[in-house]
Amino acid sequence: MDRYADIRQLMLITDDDPATAAFYRSCGLRSLDQTHGIGFIRYNFAS
């Protein structure tokens, strides 16, 4: 994470798995519901 210290926002999209979430929390990331942020996504699985 030190490499990205000067970047204001870093977003990661990953699977909803408790072990995965725990790993990213241990790296200092928080889920959007724990912040004042909001996120949007649109999947296109037809491609």
N, C-alpha and C. Protein backbone atom coordinates (compact mmCIF):
# COMPACT_ATOMS: atom_id res chain seq x y z
N MET A 1 0.82 -1.20 0.00
CA MET A 1 0.00 0.00 0.00
C MET A 1 0.87 1.26 0.00
N ASP A 2 2.09 1.15 0.46
CA ASP A 2 2.99 2.31 0.45
C ASP A 2 3.18 2.85 -0.96
N ARG A 3 3.17 1.98 -1.94
CA ARG A 3 3.34 2.39 -3.34
C ARG A 3 2.25 3.36 -3.77
N TYR A 4 1.06 3.25 -3.21
CA TYR A 4 -0.09 4.06 -3.61
C TYR A 4 -0.44 5.14 -2.59
N ALA A 5 0.48 5.48 -1.73
CA ALA A 5 0.21 6.43 -0.64
C ALA A 5 -0.23 7.80 -1.14
N ASP A 6 0.19 8.20 -2.33
CA ASP A 6 -0.17 9.52 -2.85
C ASP A 6 -1.47 9.52 -3.66
N ILE A 7 -2.09 8.37 -3.82
CA ILE A 7 -3.35 8.27 -4.56
C ILE A 7 -4.51 8.48 -3.58
N ARG A 8 -5.40 9.41 -3.93
CA ARG A 8 -6.48 9.79 -3.02
C ARG A 8 -7.49 8.67 -2.80
N GLN A 9 -7.85 7.97 -3.87
CA GLN A 9 -8.84 6.91 -3.74
C GLN A 9 -8.33 5.66 -4.44
N LEU A 10 -8.49 4.53 -3.77
CA LEU A 10 -8.13 3.23 -4.32
C LEU A 10 -9.35 2.34 -4.16
N MET A 11 -9.85 1.78 -5.25
CA MET A 11 -11.04 0.93 -5.18
C MET A 11 -10.70 -0.46 -5.65
N LEU A 12 -11.15 -1.43 -4.90
CA LEU A 12 -10.95 -2.83 -5.22
C LEU A 12 -12.32 -3.50 -5.27
N ILE A 13 -12.58 -4.25 -6.30
CA ILE A 13 -13.82 -5.02 -6.40
C ILE A 13 -13.43 -6.49 -6.35
N THR A 14 -14.04 -7.21 -5.42
CA THR A 14 -13.66 -8.61 -5.23
C THR A 14 -14.88 -9.43 -4.82
N ASP A 15 -14.69 -10.71 -4.65
CA ASP A 15 -15.76 -11.60 -4.23
C ASP A 15 -16.20 -11.30 -2.81
N ASP A 16 -17.46 -11.61 -2.52
CA ASP A 16 -18.01 -11.43 -1.18
C ASP A 16 -17.74 -12.69 -0.36
N ASP A 17 -16.51 -12.79 0.11
CA ASP A 17 -16.07 -13.95 0.88
C ASP A 17 -15.46 -13.44 2.18
N PRO A 18 -15.85 -13.97 3.32
CA PRO A 18 -15.34 -13.48 4.60
C PRO A 18 -13.81 -13.48 4.71
N ALA A 19 -13.16 -14.50 4.20
CA ALA A 19 -11.69 -14.55 4.28
C ALA A 19 -11.06 -13.48 3.39
N THR A 20 -11.64 -13.26 2.22
CA THR A 20 -11.14 -12.23 1.32
C THR A 20 -11.32 -10.85 1.94
N ALA A 21 -12.50 -10.60 2.50
CA ALA A 21 -12.77 -9.32 3.16
C ALA A 21 -11.81 -9.10 4.33
N ALA A 22 -11.56 -10.13 5.10
CA ALA A 22 -10.64 -10.01 6.24
C ALA A 22 -9.23 -9.67 5.77
N PHE A 23 -8.81 -10.27 4.66
CA PHE A 23 -7.49 -9.97 4.13
C PHE A 23 -7.37 -8.50 3.75
N TYR A 24 -8.34 -7.99 3.01
CA TYR A 24 -8.25 -6.59 2.57
C TYR A 24 -8.41 -5.62 3.74
N ARG A 25 -9.20 -5.98 4.74
CA ARG A 25 -9.26 -5.15 5.95
C ARG A 25 -7.90 -5.11 6.64
N SER A 26 -7.20 -6.23 6.64
CA SER A 26 -5.87 -6.26 7.26
C SER A 26 -4.87 -5.39 6.50
N CYS A 27 -5.17 -5.08 5.24
CA CYS A 27 -4.33 -4.18 4.44
C CYS A 27 -4.73 -2.73 4.60
N GLY A 28 -5.73 -2.47 5.44
CA GLY A 28 -6.15 -1.10 5.70
C GLY A 28 -7.32 -0.62 4.85
N LEU A 29 -7.90 -1.47 4.01
CA LEU A 29 -9.04 -1.08 3.21
C LEU A 29 -10.33 -1.22 4.03
N ARG A 30 -11.33 -0.42 3.72
CA ARG A 30 -12.64 -0.50 4.37
C ARG A 30 -13.71 -0.66 3.30
N SER A 31 -14.81 -1.29 3.65
CA SER A 31 -15.91 -1.42 2.69
C SER A 31 -16.63 -0.07 2.58
N LEU A 32 -17.27 0.16 1.45
CA LEU A 32 -17.93 1.44 1.22
C LEU A 32 -18.98 1.76 2.27
N ASP A 33 -19.64 0.74 2.81
CA ASP A 33 -20.66 1.02 3.82
C ASP A 33 -20.06 1.51 5.14
N GLN A 34 -18.74 1.47 5.27
CA GLN A 34 -18.06 1.98 6.46
C GLN A 34 -17.46 3.36 6.22
N THR A 35 -17.72 3.94 5.06
CA THR A 35 -17.14 5.23 4.71
C THR A 35 -18.26 6.19 4.29
N HIS A 36 -17.88 7.38 3.92
CA HIS A 36 -18.85 8.34 3.40
C HIS A 36 -18.90 8.27 1.88
N GLY A 37 -18.36 7.22 1.30
CA GLY A 37 -18.33 7.06 -0.14
C GLY A 37 -19.53 6.28 -0.66
N ILE A 38 -19.62 6.25 -1.97
CA ILE A 38 -20.66 5.48 -2.63
C ILE A 38 -20.04 4.89 -3.89
N GLY A 39 -20.46 3.73 -4.27
CA GLY A 39 -19.91 3.10 -5.46
C GLY A 39 -21.02 2.55 -6.33
N PHE A 40 -20.75 2.51 -7.62
CA PHE A 40 -21.70 1.98 -8.58
C PHE A 40 -20.94 1.05 -9.52
N ILE A 41 -21.63 0.03 -10.00
CA ILE A 41 -21.01 -0.90 -10.93
C ILE A 41 -22.08 -1.41 -11.88
N ARG A 42 -21.64 -1.73 -13.08
CA ARG A 42 -22.54 -2.33 -14.06
C ARG A 42 -21.79 -3.51 -14.67
N TYR A 43 -22.35 -4.69 -14.53
CA TYR A 43 -21.76 -5.88 -15.10
C TYR A 43 -22.39 -6.14 -16.47
N ASN A 44 -21.59 -6.65 -17.39
CA ASN A 44 -22.09 -7.06 -18.69
C ASN A 44 -21.57 -8.47 -18.93
N PHE A 45 -22.35 -9.45 -18.50
CA PHE A 45 -21.92 -10.83 -18.62
C PHE A 45 -22.21 -11.41 -19.99
N ALA A 46 -22.89 -10.65 -20.86
CA ALA A 46 -23.22 -11.14 -22.19
C ALA A 46 -22.01 -11.11 -23.13
N SER A 47 -20.99 -10.36 -22.80
CA SER A 47 -19.81 -10.24 -23.69
C SER A 47 -18.94 -11.45 -23.62
